[in-house]
Amino acid sequence: MDTGTHIVMGIALGGLALADPVVANSTLTTTAVIAGTIIGSQAPDIDTVLKLRNNAVYIRHHRGITHSIPAVILWPLLISGVLWLIMPEANLLHLWLWTFLAVFLHVFVDIFNSYGTQALRPFSRKWVALGVINTFDPIIFGIHVVGLLFWMFGANPVTTFLIMYAIIFVYYILRFAVQSAVKNSVKHTIPDADEIIVAPTMKFFQWRVAAISKTHHYVGRAYGRSISIYDKFEKVPLPESDLVKAALKDKNLSAFTSFSPIYRWEITEFEKLFEVRLIDLRYRSNDYYPFVAVAHLNEELEIVNSYTGWIFSEDKLRKKLDFMPN
């Protein structure tokens, strides 16, 4: 989920913690627990700082080790330990328990996005992504805001947030039902599809659609059960050439291929320069595919420059790269 949603989740969980008598009967413990749930709801996303290095490092590692099983264990220990040093009269056990719940919920809800997490590390590096909730879901965010407003104006936080979480639970079930219906509709539209990828948007009934058959890639949108296929690309494997092998060793293209399950490629030859471009087919927007990886190689097959990330125009891509021929 996005940062804003994780923040309101942390505050709401702090309110729900008042159901715990040990928390409710101690002002210091209440303060420490609310701080712990808010910080714990943010802590796994500390890897966002990897963007300061480059997109390749960020794409390869975001929601990786910081969302792993060891991290879910270590974050609460670290956060509750620091808070207890600041507020030693707070109940450490209950502070740790609620902070642990905040960290766990952060990782758990991220699994429902299309991006997913490596939540099973170190046992598996597989990305767990159920793809039923958009990274920012206005309904989930809005329900939290309403719950917090009720609390602000005097409603019982425990009752308020129990009702809120019950509503959200039902909402998740509905999202799974809609996702299943969309996949079935895609299967009817593309009977020979071997793999179907549907990704949520901020609109409840609108989903991104990508499908793979033995011969083609398909890209479209779902509006409820109505499927519109916008693009159909012949499925052509990457050439096993020295040029491609050299390009795939680049950190940006390597990060892209580790993240993207469905993409097409383009190879363009300029004067004394080759361009290898990989294009993710999941994120079509206004007739454009903005998530790409590009590498330029010279005649000696050395990487001249490269980039991976979200680009919505060729002009912006030129600015990201040190050099790009006209």
Protein backbone atom coordinates (compact mmCIF):
# COMPACT_ATOMS: atom_id res chain seq x y z
CA MET A 1 0.00 0.00 0.00
CA ASP A 2 1.01 3.64 -0.24
CA THR A 3 2.53 5.64 2.60
CA GLY A 4 -0.68 7.52 3.39
CA THR A 5 -2.68 4.32 3.81
CA HIS A 6 -0.02 2.79 6.04
CA ILE A 7 -0.10 5.92 8.22
CA VAL A 8 -3.86 5.83 8.77
CA MET A 9 -3.64 2.08 9.36
CA GLY A 10 -1.05 2.67 12.08
CA ILE A 11 -3.18 5.30 13.80
CA ALA A 12 -6.29 3.12 13.61
CA LEU A 13 -4.43 0.14 15.03
CA GLY A 14 -3.25 2.37 17.88
CA GLY A 15 -6.90 3.17 18.60
CA LEU A 16 -7.84 -0.50 18.47
CA ALA A 17 -5.05 -1.21 20.98
CA LEU A 18 -7.22 0.48 23.61
CA ALA A 19 -9.12 -2.81 23.69
CA ASP A 20 -6.10 -4.08 25.62
CA PRO A 21 -6.63 -3.21 29.33
CA VAL A 22 -2.88 -2.91 29.92
CA VAL A 23 -2.71 -0.27 27.20
CA ALA A 24 -5.95 1.51 28.11
CA ASN A 25 -5.09 1.82 31.81
CA SER A 26 -1.69 3.46 31.31
CA THR A 27 -1.25 6.80 29.60
CA LEU A 28 2.43 6.14 28.96
CA THR A 29 1.76 2.69 27.53
CA THR A 30 -1.00 4.14 25.34
CA THR A 31 1.36 6.81 24.03
CA ALA A 32 4.14 4.30 23.42
CA VAL A 33 1.82 1.81 21.70
CA ILE A 34 0.31 4.42 19.37
CA ALA A 35 3.83 5.56 18.49
CA GLY A 36 4.82 1.94 17.96
CA THR A 37 1.89 1.14 15.68
CA ILE A 38 2.46 4.24 13.56
CA ILE A 39 6.21 3.65 13.23
CA GLY A 40 5.71 -0.09 12.78
CA SER A 41 3.24 0.58 9.99
CA GLN A 42 5.94 2.54 8.15
CA ALA A 43 9.16 0.72 9.03
CA PRO A 44 9.21 -1.96 6.29
CA ASP A 45 9.12 0.76 3.63
CA ILE A 46 12.42 2.22 4.80
CA ASP A 47 13.87 0.62 1.66
CA THR A 48 12.28 3.50 -0.27
CA VAL A 49 15.58 5.31 0.35
CA LEU A 50 17.08 2.96 -2.25
CA LYS A 51 15.59 5.31 -4.85
CA LEU A 52 18.39 7.69 -3.90
CA ARG A 53 20.87 5.23 -5.41
CA ASN A 54 19.07 4.31 -8.62
CA ASN A 55 15.90 2.70 -9.91
CA ALA A 56 17.59 -0.63 -10.60
CA VAL A 57 18.54 -1.11 -6.95
CA TYR A 58 15.10 0.08 -5.83
CA ILE A 59 13.18 -2.23 -8.19
CA ARG A 60 15.27 -5.25 -7.28
CA HIS A 61 15.14 -4.73 -3.51
CA HIS A 62 11.97 -2.75 -2.66
CA ARG A 63 9.65 -4.89 -0.54
CA GLY A 64 12.39 -7.48 -0.37
CA ILE A 65 14.47 -8.07 2.74
CA THR A 66 12.66 -5.33 4.71
CA HIS A 67 9.41 -7.27 4.23
CA SER A 68 10.90 -10.69 4.96
CA ILE A 69 10.19 -13.02 7.87
CA PRO A 70 13.38 -12.00 9.76
CA ALA A 71 12.49 -8.33 9.27
CA VAL A 72 8.96 -8.85 10.60
CA ILE A 73 10.58 -10.27 13.74
CA LEU A 74 13.35 -7.69 14.06
CA TRP A 75 11.41 -4.47 13.32
CA PRO A 76 9.12 -4.78 16.40
CA LEU A 77 12.08 -5.61 18.65
CA LEU A 78 13.98 -2.57 17.43
CA ILE A 79 11.04 -0.15 17.51
CA SER A 80 9.62 -1.24 20.85
CA GLY A 81 13.10 -1.34 22.37
CA VAL A 82 13.85 2.25 21.37
CA LEU A 83 10.43 3.47 22.52
CA TRP A 84 10.85 1.67 25.84
CA LEU A 85 14.20 3.39 26.39
CA ILE A 86 12.41 6.71 25.87
CA MET A 87 9.38 5.69 27.98
CA PRO A 88 10.65 3.02 30.41
CA GLU A 89 7.42 3.05 32.42
CA ALA A 90 5.47 1.72 29.44
CA ASN A 91 4.65 -1.99 29.43
CA LEU A 92 7.31 -3.47 27.16
CA LEU A 93 5.52 -6.73 26.37
CA HIS A 94 2.31 -5.09 25.21
CA LEU A 95 4.26 -2.40 23.38
CA TRP A 96 6.09 -5.13 21.48
CA LEU A 97 2.89 -7.09 20.75
CA TRP A 98 1.06 -4.15 19.17
CA THR A 99 4.15 -2.99 17.30
CA PHE A 100 4.59 -6.51 15.97
CA LEU A 101 0.97 -6.51 14.78
CA ALA A 102 1.55 -3.19 12.98
CA VAL A 103 4.63 -4.50 11.16
CA PHE A 104 2.93 -7.79 10.31
CA LEU A 105 -0.15 -6.02 8.92
CA HIS A 106 2.03 -3.76 6.78
CA VAL A 107 3.67 -6.75 5.09
CA PHE A 108 0.41 -8.71 4.97
CA VAL A 109 -1.63 -6.03 3.18
CA ASP A 110 1.20 -5.42 0.69
CA ILE A 111 0.78 -9.00 -0.49
CA PHE A 112 -2.60 -8.06 -1.95
CA ASN A 113 -1.07 -5.51 -4.36
CA SER A 114 0.16 -6.30 -7.86
CA TYR A 115 3.69 -5.34 -6.79
CA GLY A 116 3.69 -7.85 -3.94
CA THR A 117 6.50 -8.61 -1.51
CA GLN A 118 9.18 -11.20 -0.85
CA ALA A 119 7.39 -12.03 2.38
CA LEU A 120 8.60 -15.64 2.40
CA ARG A 121 12.30 -14.79 2.51
CA PRO A 122 14.64 -16.43 3.46
CA PHE A 123 12.73 -19.60 2.54
CA SER A 124 11.81 -18.31 -0.91
CA ARG A 125 12.66 -15.26 -3.00
CA LYS A 126 9.42 -15.59 -4.92
CA TRP A 127 7.33 -12.43 -5.11
CA VAL A 128 3.98 -12.96 -3.42
CA ALA A 129 1.47 -10.72 -5.20
CA LEU A 130 -2.25 -11.49 -5.16
CA GLY A 131 -3.14 -8.47 -7.29
CA VAL A 132 -6.57 -7.63 -5.86
CA ILE A 133 -5.95 -4.22 -4.25
CA ASN A 134 -4.41 -1.19 -5.94
CA THR A 135 -1.34 0.32 -4.26
CA PHE A 136 -3.59 3.23 -3.32
CA ASP A 137 -7.16 2.14 -2.80
CA PRO A 138 -9.42 5.15 -2.18
CA ILE A 139 -12.09 3.00 -0.53
CA ILE A 140 -9.71 1.49 2.03
CA PHE A 141 -8.10 4.86 2.67
CA GLY A 142 -11.49 6.56 2.92
CA ILE A 143 -12.87 3.99 5.37
CA HIS A 144 -9.85 4.58 7.62
CA VAL A 145 -10.28 8.36 7.44
CA VAL A 146 -13.96 8.06 8.35
CA GLY A 147 -13.10 5.80 11.28
CA LEU A 148 -10.46 8.23 12.52
CA LEU A 149 -12.92 11.13 12.24
CA PHE A 150 -15.47 9.21 14.31
CA TRP A 151 -12.78 8.64 16.95
CA MET A 152 -11.78 12.30 16.83
CA PHE A 153 -15.36 13.35 17.53
CA GLY A 154 -15.75 11.06 20.52
CA ALA A 155 -16.75 7.62 19.24
CA ASN A 156 -15.41 4.58 21.05
CA PRO A 157 -12.23 3.69 19.12
CA VAL A 158 -12.43 -0.04 19.80
CA THR A 159 -15.99 -0.37 18.52
CA THR A 160 -15.32 2.01 15.64
CA PHE A 161 -12.24 0.21 14.36
CA LEU A 162 -13.68 -3.27 14.85
CA ILE A 163 -16.59 -2.25 12.62
CA MET A 164 -14.16 -0.62 10.21
CA TYR A 165 -12.02 -3.76 9.89
CA ALA A 166 -15.12 -5.91 9.44
CA ILE A 167 -16.18 -3.70 6.52
CA ILE A 168 -12.69 -3.85 5.01
CA PHE A 169 -12.67 -7.65 5.36
CA VAL A 170 -15.90 -7.85 3.35
CA TYR A 171 -14.42 -5.42 0.81
CA TYR A 172 -11.42 -7.71 0.30
CA ILE A 173 -13.74 -10.66 -0.32
CA LEU A 174 -15.61 -8.61 -2.93
CA ARG A 175 -12.32 -7.70 -4.62
CA PHE A 176 -11.38 -11.37 -4.90
CA ALA A 177 -14.81 -12.11 -6.38
CA VAL A 178 -14.46 -9.34 -8.96
CA GLN A 179 -10.92 -10.45 -9.82
CA SER A 180 -12.12 -14.00 -10.40
CA ALA A 181 -14.96 -12.78 -12.61
CA VAL A 182 -12.55 -10.65 -14.65
CA LYS A 183 -10.15 -13.58 -15.15
CA ASN A 184 -13.01 -15.79 -16.31
CA SER A 185 -14.11 -13.11 -18.77
CA VAL A 186 -10.57 -12.77 -20.11
CA LYS A 187 -10.40 -16.53 -20.56
CA HIS A 188 -13.61 -16.44 -22.60
CA THR A 189 -12.25 -13.54 -24.67
CA ILE A 190 -8.84 -15.17 -25.22
CA PRO A 191 -9.51 -18.94 -25.06
CA ASP A 192 -5.91 -19.88 -25.87
CA ALA A 193 -4.41 -17.76 -23.06
CA ASP A 194 -1.94 -19.76 -20.98
CA GLU A 195 -1.38 -17.03 -18.41
CA ILE A 196 -3.67 -14.18 -17.41
CA ILE A 197 -2.52 -11.19 -15.39
CA VAL A 198 -5.13 -8.79 -14.06
CA ALA A 199 -4.13 -5.77 -12.02
CA PRO A 200 -6.47 -3.51 -10.06
CA THR A 201 -6.85 0.21 -10.59
CA MET A 202 -8.32 2.85 -8.29
CA LYS A 203 -11.72 2.18 -9.89
CA PHE A 204 -13.57 -0.79 -8.41
CA PHE A 205 -14.71 -2.42 -11.66
CA GLN A 206 -11.80 -1.37 -13.87
CA TRP A 207 -8.77 -3.67 -14.17
CA ARG A 208 -5.64 -3.79 -16.31
CA VAL A 209 -5.40 -6.97 -18.35
CA ALA A 210 -2.39 -8.75 -19.83
CA ALA A 211 -2.43 -12.27 -21.21
CA ILE A 212 0.05 -14.66 -22.74
CA SER A 213 -0.69 -17.40 -25.24
CA LYS A 214 1.78 -19.62 -27.05
CA THR A 215 1.90 -17.17 -29.94
CA HIS A 216 0.89 -13.71 -28.69
CA HIS A 217 0.86 -11.16 -25.89
CA TYR A 218 -2.46 -9.38 -25.29
CA VAL A 219 -3.02 -6.09 -23.48
CA GLY A 220 -6.36 -4.59 -22.55
CA ARG A 221 -8.76 -3.38 -19.91
CA ALA A 222 -11.65 -4.91 -18.07
CA TYR A 223 -14.74 -2.89 -17.22
CA GLY A 224 -16.60 -5.34 -15.05
CA ARG A 225 -17.09 -8.42 -17.23
CA SER A 226 -16.54 -6.45 -20.43
CA ILE A 227 -13.04 -7.01 -21.83
CA SER A 228 -11.43 -4.66 -24.34
CA ILE A 229 -8.21 -5.82 -26.00
CA TYR A 230 -6.16 -2.81 -27.09
CA ASP A 231 -2.95 -4.40 -28.34
CA LYS A 232 -1.88 -7.79 -29.62
CA PHE A 233 1.82 -8.50 -30.06
CA GLU A 234 3.38 -11.54 -31.62
CA LYS A 235 5.27 -13.46 -28.96
CA VAL A 236 8.89 -13.44 -30.05
CA PRO A 237 11.61 -14.67 -27.69
CA LEU A 238 14.64 -12.50 -27.07
CA PRO A 239 17.42 -13.33 -29.54
CA GLU A 240 20.26 -15.33 -28.06
CA SER A 241 22.81 -12.97 -29.55
CA ASP A 242 25.98 -11.55 -28.03
CA LEU A 243 24.33 -8.12 -28.09
CA VAL A 244 21.36 -9.25 -26.01
CA LYS A 245 23.53 -11.26 -23.63
CA ALA A 246 25.69 -8.21 -23.02
CA ALA A 247 22.65 -5.97 -22.53
CA LEU A 248 21.03 -8.32 -20.02
CA LYS A 249 24.13 -8.15 -17.83
CA ASP A 250 23.39 -4.47 -17.27
CA LYS A 251 22.02 -3.72 -13.80
CA ASN A 252 18.96 -1.88 -15.15
CA LEU A 253 17.87 -4.57 -17.59
CA SER A 254 18.66 -7.28 -15.06
CA ALA A 255 16.47 -5.57 -12.46
CA PHE A 256 13.68 -5.16 -15.01
CA THR A 257 13.64 -8.83 -16.02
CA SER A 258 13.64 -9.89 -12.36
CA PHE A 259 10.49 -7.84 -11.80
CA SER A 260 8.45 -7.97 -15.01
CA PRO A 261 6.60 -11.19 -15.91
CA ILE A 262 5.41 -10.00 -19.32
CA TYR A 263 7.29 -7.72 -21.67
CA ARG A 264 8.20 -7.23 -25.31
CA TRP A 265 11.52 -6.12 -26.72
CA GLU A 266 12.90 -3.82 -29.37
CA ILE A 267 16.42 -3.64 -30.79
CA THR A 268 17.37 -0.56 -32.76
CA GLU A 269 20.66 0.08 -34.51
CA PHE A 270 21.99 3.61 -34.77
CA GLU A 271 25.31 4.75 -36.13
CA LYS A 272 27.92 2.96 -33.99
CA LEU A 273 25.31 2.34 -31.31
CA PHE A 274 22.72 -0.31 -30.46
CA GLU A 275 19.64 0.16 -28.31
CA VAL A 276 18.00 -2.73 -26.48
CA ARG A 277 14.63 -1.81 -25.01
CA LEU A 278 12.36 -3.96 -22.82
CA ILE A 279 8.75 -2.82 -22.41
CA ASP A 280 6.50 -4.03 -19.59
CA LEU A 281 3.03 -4.75 -20.97
CA ARG A 282 1.14 -4.55 -17.68
CA TYR A 283 0.99 -0.78 -17.37
CA ARG A 284 -0.47 0.56 -20.60
CA SER A 285 -1.57 4.17 -20.12
CA ASN A 286 -2.99 6.45 -22.82
CA ASP A 287 -1.64 4.26 -25.64
CA TYR A 288 1.81 4.27 -24.05
CA TYR A 289 3.81 1.72 -22.09
CA PRO A 290 5.67 3.78 -19.48
CA PHE A 291 7.61 1.11 -17.58
CA VAL A 292 10.72 0.29 -19.59
CA ALA A 293 14.36 -0.69 -19.42
CA VAL A 294 16.76 0.70 -22.02
CA ALA A 295 20.43 0.00 -22.64
CA HIS A 296 22.75 1.53 -25.22
CA LEU A 297 25.77 -0.47 -26.29
CA ASN A 298 28.67 0.45 -28.54
CA GLU A 299 30.18 -1.69 -31.28
CA GLU A 300 32.34 -3.45 -28.70
CA LEU A 301 29.11 -4.42 -26.88
CA GLU A 302 29.99 -2.25 -23.91
CA ILE A 303 27.19 -0.52 -22.02
CA VAL A 304 27.27 3.20 -22.82
CA ASN A 305 24.29 4.08 -20.64
CA SER A 306 21.08 2.53 -19.39
CA TYR A 307 17.90 3.25 -17.48
CA THR A 308 14.89 1.50 -16.01
CA GLY A 309 11.77 3.07 -14.58
CA TRP A 310 8.61 4.95 -15.46
CA ILE A 311 8.88 7.20 -18.49
CA PHE A 312 5.88 8.83 -20.16
CA SER A 313 7.65 10.39 -23.15
CA GLU A 314 10.77 9.91 -25.24
CA ASP A 315 11.94 13.40 -24.30
CA LYS A 316 11.98 12.46 -20.62
CA LEU A 317 13.86 9.28 -21.46
CA ARG A 318 16.52 11.31 -23.26
CA LYS A 319 16.95 13.40 -20.14
CA LYS A 320 17.33 10.31 -17.97
CA LEU A 321 20.01 8.86 -20.22
CA ASP A 322 23.39 10.49 -20.59
CA PHE A 323 23.14 10.16 -24.34
CA MET A 324 20.48 9.16 -26.79
CA PRO A 325 20.69 9.53 -30.56
CA ASN A 326 17.99 11.40 -32.46
